[in-house]
Amino acid sequence: MAGNRRGHAGSVSGSVVAPLRWTLLALSCLLSAPVLSGTPPTITFTPAHPTTRDMINAFLSVPDCGSTTTFVVSGAQITISTSPPTFCGTPPPVTLATLGALPAGSYQVQWFEAQVLTATAPLVVTAAADPTPLLQPWALLLVVAGCGALAFAKLRNSASAS
């Protein structure tokens, strides 16, 4: 009977520990999947070759679970910070930071998740070409003045002809 009690007691503690063990194993697999995939997280930008007129978005290749993303531009350094997640749905949402339009220049972007550096990437923003010169205010004024001068000259010629 002593053997039965030990077997029974062992199975009770085993039945309590086994689900906990499987839960911890599943949780560690989910959390380590990006690390074990062999590909470090990367930052990509849309548009790929931004100008000073473009709204720039930065994407982190690792999905994030409902955290808050903020960024700071300091000179040529852009620091994006993502707070720890609060809830994760299936599939997790895309990790996105909307940087907006930036001045022309070369930037170094650093992305931190829960205060840990996750990825870095360079970003080059080029100056946008000026719009069509005819749309510039001074050019429109010049066209209107030219049309007025032509109309005045035509009116003067028709008045002198009669």
C-alpha atoms as a PDB file:
ATOM      1  CA  MET A   1       0.000   0.000   0.000  1.00  0.00           C
ATOM      2  CA  ALA A   2       2.847   2.348   0.640  1.00  0.00           C
ATOM      3  CA  GLY A   3       3.784   1.962  -3.010  1.00  0.00           C
ATOM      4  CA  ASN A   4       0.268   2.962  -4.039  1.00  0.00           C
ATOM      5  CA  ARG A   5       0.326   6.036  -1.867  1.00  0.00           C
ATOM      6  CA  ARG A   6       3.605   7.194  -3.315  1.00  0.00           C
ATOM      7  CA  GLY A   7       2.349   6.615  -6.818  1.00  0.00           C
ATOM      8  CA  HIS A   8      -0.836   8.479  -6.049  1.00  0.00           C
ATOM      9  CA  ALA A   9       0.979  11.353  -4.355  1.00  0.00           C
ATOM     10  CA  GLY A  10       3.465  11.496  -7.218  1.00  0.00           C
ATOM     11  CA  SER A  11       0.698  11.677  -9.791  1.00  0.00           C
ATOM     12  CA  VAL A  12      -1.065  14.464  -7.889  1.00  0.00           C
ATOM     13  CA  SER A  13       2.041  16.627  -7.754  1.00  0.00           C
ATOM     14  CA  GLY A  14       2.859  15.587 -11.329  1.00  0.00           C
ATOM     15  CA  SER A  15      -0.594  16.593 -12.507  1.00  0.00           C
ATOM     16  CA  VAL A  16      -0.164  20.044 -10.952  1.00  0.00           C
ATOM     17  CA  VAL A  17       3.372  20.594 -12.250  1.00  0.00           C
ATOM     18  CA  ALA A  18       2.803  19.215 -15.769  1.00  0.00           C
ATOM     19  CA  PRO A  19       0.325  21.896 -16.945  1.00  0.00           C
ATOM     20  CA  LEU A  20       2.531  24.584 -15.446  1.00  0.00           C
ATOM     21  CA  ARG A  21       5.564  23.118 -17.212  1.00  0.00           C
ATOM     22  CA  TRP A  22       3.734  23.038 -20.565  1.00  0.00           C
ATOM     23  CA  THR A  23       2.468  26.578 -20.057  1.00  0.00           C
ATOM     24  CA  LEU A  24       5.976  27.862 -19.335  1.00  0.00           C
ATOM     25  CA  LEU A  25       7.370  25.967 -22.320  1.00  0.00           C
ATOM     26  CA  ALA A  26       4.712  27.381 -24.667  1.00  0.00           C
ATOM     27  CA  LEU A  27       5.250  30.898 -23.327  1.00  0.00           C
ATOM     28  CA  SER A  28       9.025  30.697 -23.769  1.00  0.00           C
ATOM     29  CA  CYS A  29       8.579  29.417 -27.337  1.00  0.00           C
ATOM     30  CA  LEU A  30       6.289  32.314 -28.223  1.00  0.00           C
ATOM     31  CA  LEU A  31       8.564  34.925 -26.690  1.00  0.00           C
ATOM     32  CA  SER A  32      11.736  33.532 -28.247  1.00  0.00           C
ATOM     33  CA  ALA A  33      10.339  33.011 -31.762  1.00  0.00           C
ATOM     34  CA  PRO A  34      11.722  36.295 -33.194  1.00  0.00           C
ATOM     35  CA  VAL A  35      15.118  35.651 -31.582  1.00  0.00           C
ATOM     36  CA  LEU A  36      15.332  32.061 -32.784  1.00  0.00           C
ATOM     37  CA  SER A  37      14.192  32.886 -36.298  1.00  0.00           C
ATOM     38  CA  GLY A  38      17.745  33.994 -37.040  1.00  0.00           C
ATOM     39  CA  THR A  39      16.672  37.304 -38.526  1.00  0.00           C
ATOM     40  CA  PRO A  40      17.230  40.350 -36.335  1.00  0.00           C
ATOM     41  CA  PRO A  41      14.448  42.937 -36.276  1.00  0.00           C
ATOM     42  CA  THR A  42      14.690  45.573 -39.018  1.00  0.00           C
ATOM     43  CA  ILE A  43      13.232  49.018 -39.596  1.00  0.00           C
ATOM     44  CA  THR A  44      11.724  49.864 -42.982  1.00  0.00           C
ATOM     45  CA  PHE A  45      10.283  53.156 -44.192  1.00  0.00           C
ATOM     46  CA  THR A  46       7.449  54.190 -46.486  1.00  0.00           C
ATOM     47  CA  PRO A  47       8.013  55.721 -48.886  1.00  0.00           C
ATOM     48  CA  ALA A  48      11.328  53.978 -49.453  1.00  0.00           C
ATOM     49  CA  HIS A  49      13.009  57.167 -50.747  1.00  0.00           C
ATOM     50  CA  PRO A  50      11.253  60.018 -48.907  1.00  0.00           C
ATOM     51  CA  THR A  51      11.401  63.709 -49.754  1.00  0.00           C
ATOM     52  CA  THR A  52      10.664  66.721 -47.579  1.00  0.00           C
ATOM     53  CA  ARG A  53       7.031  66.659 -48.768  1.00  0.00           C
ATOM     54  CA  ASP A  54       6.340  63.013 -47.848  1.00  0.00           C
ATOM     55  CA  MET A  55       4.649  61.696 -44.711  1.00  0.00           C
ATOM     56  CA  ILE A  56       7.169  59.110 -43.490  1.00  0.00           C
ATOM     57  CA  ASN A  57       6.162  55.922 -41.659  1.00  0.00           C
ATOM     58  CA  ALA A  58       8.627  53.620 -39.910  1.00  0.00           C
ATOM     59  CA  PHE A  59       7.802  49.920 -39.482  1.00  0.00           C
ATOM     60  CA  LEU A  60       9.522  47.447 -37.167  1.00  0.00           C
ATOM     61  CA  SER A  61       9.689  43.903 -38.568  1.00  0.00           C
ATOM     62  CA  VAL A  62       8.601  42.421 -35.215  1.00  0.00           C
ATOM     63  CA  PRO A  63       4.864  42.728 -34.477  1.00  0.00           C
ATOM     64  CA  ASP A  64       3.914  44.468 -31.278  1.00  0.00           C
ATOM     65  CA  CYS A  65       0.992  43.939 -28.929  1.00  0.00           C
ATOM     66  CA  GLY A  66      -0.925  47.104 -28.182  1.00  0.00           C
ATOM     67  CA  SER A  67       1.893  49.255 -26.883  1.00  0.00           C
ATOM     68  CA  THR A  68       2.333  53.010 -27.199  1.00  0.00           C
ATOM     69  CA  THR A  69       4.894  54.283 -29.717  1.00  0.00           C
ATOM     70  CA  THR A  70       6.536  57.710 -29.406  1.00  0.00           C
ATOM     71  CA  PHE A  71       9.460  59.334 -31.201  1.00  0.00           C
ATOM     72  CA  VAL A  72      11.890  62.208 -30.725  1.00  0.00           C
ATOM     73  CA  VAL A  73      13.920  63.922 -33.457  1.00  0.00           C
ATOM     74  CA  SER A  74      17.115  65.474 -32.123  1.00  0.00           C
ATOM     75  CA  GLY A  75      19.402  66.731 -34.880  1.00  0.00           C
ATOM     76  CA  ALA A  76      20.273  63.758 -37.064  1.00  0.00           C
ATOM     77  CA  GLN A  77      19.056  61.220 -34.471  1.00  0.00           C
ATOM     78  CA  ILE A  78      15.511  59.803 -34.406  1.00  0.00           C
ATOM     79  CA  THR A  79      14.672  57.746 -31.325  1.00  0.00           C
ATOM     80  CA  ILE A  80      11.500  55.655 -31.447  1.00  0.00           C
ATOM     81  CA  SER A  81      10.306  54.147 -28.169  1.00  0.00           C
ATOM     82  CA  THR A  82       7.680  51.472 -27.719  1.00  0.00           C
ATOM     83  CA  SER A  83       6.271  50.894 -24.242  1.00  0.00           C
ATOM     84  CA  PRO A  84       5.730  47.369 -22.914  1.00  0.00           C
ATOM     85  CA  PRO A  85       2.639  45.699 -24.407  1.00  0.00           C
ATOM     86  CA  THR A  86      -0.537  45.361 -22.399  1.00  0.00           C
ATOM     87  CA  PHE A  87      -2.549  42.891 -24.482  1.00  0.00           C
ATOM     88  CA  CYS A  88      -1.745  40.790 -27.513  1.00  0.00           C
ATOM     89  CA  GLY A  89      -4.379  39.679 -30.001  1.00  0.00           C
ATOM     90  CA  THR A  90      -3.985  37.202 -32.829  1.00  0.00           C
ATOM     91  CA  PRO A  91      -2.301  38.198 -35.053  1.00  0.00           C
ATOM     92  CA  PRO A  92      -0.456  40.985 -33.243  1.00  0.00           C
ATOM     93  CA  PRO A  93      -0.735  44.438 -34.815  1.00  0.00           C
ATOM     94  CA  VAL A  94       2.058  45.873 -36.937  1.00  0.00           C
ATOM     95  CA  THR A  95       4.598  48.012 -35.122  1.00  0.00           C
ATOM     96  CA  LEU A  96       4.351  51.458 -36.730  1.00  0.00           C
ATOM     97  CA  ALA A  97       5.602  54.960 -36.002  1.00  0.00           C
ATOM     98  CA  THR A  98       4.361  57.864 -38.118  1.00  0.00           C
ATOM     99  CA  LEU A  99       7.251  60.332 -38.336  1.00  0.00           C
ATOM    100  CA  GLY A 100       5.542  62.786 -40.687  1.00  0.00           C
ATOM    101  CA  ALA A 101       7.477  65.132 -42.965  1.00  0.00           C
ATOM    102  CA  LEU A 102      11.125  65.696 -42.022  1.00  0.00           C
ATOM    103  CA  PRO A 103      13.703  68.259 -43.187  1.00  0.00           C
ATOM    104  CA  ALA A 104      16.200  67.110 -45.799  1.00  0.00           C
ATOM    105  CA  GLY A 105      19.158  65.249 -44.339  1.00  0.00           C
ATOM    106  CA  SER A 106      20.593  61.939 -43.194  1.00  0.00           C
ATOM    107  CA  TYR A 107      19.167  60.475 -39.997  1.00  0.00           C
ATOM    108  CA  GLN A 108      20.091  57.538 -37.773  1.00  0.00           C
ATOM    109  CA  VAL A 109      16.940  55.846 -36.479  1.00  0.00           C
ATOM    110  CA  GLN A 110      17.031  53.813 -33.254  1.00  0.00           C
ATOM    111  CA  TRP A 111      14.034  51.770 -32.111  1.00  0.00           C
ATOM    112  CA  PHE A 112      13.725  50.863 -28.438  1.00  0.00           C
ATOM    113  CA  GLU A 113      11.192  48.375 -27.078  1.00  0.00           C
ATOM    114  CA  ALA A 114      10.724  48.570 -23.313  1.00  0.00           C
ATOM    115  CA  GLN A 115      13.972  50.617 -23.131  1.00  0.00           C
ATOM    116  CA  VAL A 116      15.988  47.933 -24.966  1.00  0.00           C
ATOM    117  CA  LEU A 117      17.575  48.800 -28.326  1.00  0.00           C
ATOM    118  CA  THR A 118      15.815  46.560 -30.839  1.00  0.00           C
ATOM    119  CA  ALA A 119      16.917  47.866 -34.254  1.00  0.00           C
ATOM    120  CA  THR A 120      18.719  50.697 -36.018  1.00  0.00           C
ATOM    121  CA  ALA A 121      18.537  51.971 -39.596  1.00  0.00           C
ATOM    122  CA  PRO A 122      19.695  54.946 -41.642  1.00  0.00           C
ATOM    123  CA  LEU A 123      17.109  57.254 -43.206  1.00  0.00           C
ATOM    124  CA  VAL A 124      17.880  59.747 -45.966  1.00  0.00           C
ATOM    125  CA  VAL A 125      15.332  62.467 -46.720  1.00  0.00           C
ATOM    126  CA  THR A 126      15.979  64.428 -49.909  1.00  0.00           C
ATOM    127  CA  ALA A 127      14.752  67.918 -50.731  1.00  0.00           C
ATOM    128  CA  ALA A 128      11.619  67.897 -52.858  1.00  0.00           C
ATOM    129  CA  ALA A 129      11.845  69.590 -56.245  1.00  0.00           C
ATOM    130  CA  ASP A 130      10.046  72.908 -56.511  1.00  0.00           C
ATOM    131  CA  PRO A 131       6.609  72.640 -58.056  1.00  0.00           C
ATOM    132  CA  THR A 132       6.016  73.857 -61.595  1.00  0.00           C
ATOM    133  CA  PRO A 133       7.291  77.448 -61.757  1.00  0.00           C
ATOM    134  CA  LEU A 134       3.963  78.583 -63.187  1.00  0.00           C
ATOM    135  CA  LEU A 135       2.305  77.723 -59.885  1.00  0.00           C
ATOM    136  CA  GLN A 136       4.613  80.025 -57.935  1.00  0.00           C
ATOM    137  CA  PRO A 137       2.846  83.253 -56.827  1.00  0.00           C
ATOM    138  CA  TRP A 138       5.357  85.518 -58.578  1.00  0.00           C
ATOM    139  CA  ALA A 139       4.924  83.591 -61.847  1.00  0.00           C
ATOM    140  CA  LEU A 140       1.122  83.830 -61.670  1.00  0.00           C
ATOM    141  CA  LEU A 141       1.385  87.563 -61.033  1.00  0.00           C
ATOM    142  CA  LEU A 142       3.692  87.913 -64.050  1.00  0.00           C
ATOM    143  CA  VAL A 143       1.225  85.997 -66.284  1.00  0.00           C
ATOM    144  CA  VAL A 144      -1.721  88.139 -65.115  1.00  0.00           C
ATOM    145  CA  ALA A 145       0.286  91.362 -65.686  1.00  0.00           C
ATOM    146  CA  GLY A 146       1.284  90.155 -69.171  1.00  0.00           C
ATOM    147  CA  CYS A 147      -2.321  89.327 -70.073  1.00  0.00           C
ATOM    148  CA  GLY A 148      -3.428  92.746 -68.775  1.00  0.00           C
ATOM    149  CA  ALA A 149      -0.758  94.505 -70.875  1.00  0.00           C
ATOM    150  CA  LEU A 150      -1.818  92.595 -74.001  1.00  0.00           C
ATOM    151  CA  ALA A 151      -5.489  93.407 -73.381  1.00  0.00           C
ATOM    152  CA  PHE A 152      -4.654  97.087 -72.845  1.00  0.00           C
ATOM    153  CA  ALA A 153      -2.566  97.179 -76.052  1.00  0.00           C
ATOM    154  CA  LYS A 154      -5.379  95.507 -78.039  1.00  0.00           C
ATOM    155  CA  LEU A 155      -7.925  97.918 -76.597  1.00  0.00           C
ATOM    156  CA  ARG A 156      -5.688 100.883 -77.458  1.00  0.00           C
ATOM    157  CA  ASN A 157      -5.191  99.614 -81.054  1.00  0.00           C
ATOM    158  CA  SER A 158      -8.909  99.135 -81.590  1.00  0.00           C
ATOM    159  CA  ALA A 159      -9.655 102.615 -80.179  1.00  0.00           C
ATOM    160  CA  SER A 160      -7.068 104.278 -82.467  1.00  0.00           C
ATOM    161  CA  ALA A 161      -8.378 102.313 -85.517  1.00  0.00           C
ATOM    162  CA  SER A 162     -11.907 103.672 -85.087  1.00  0.00           C
END
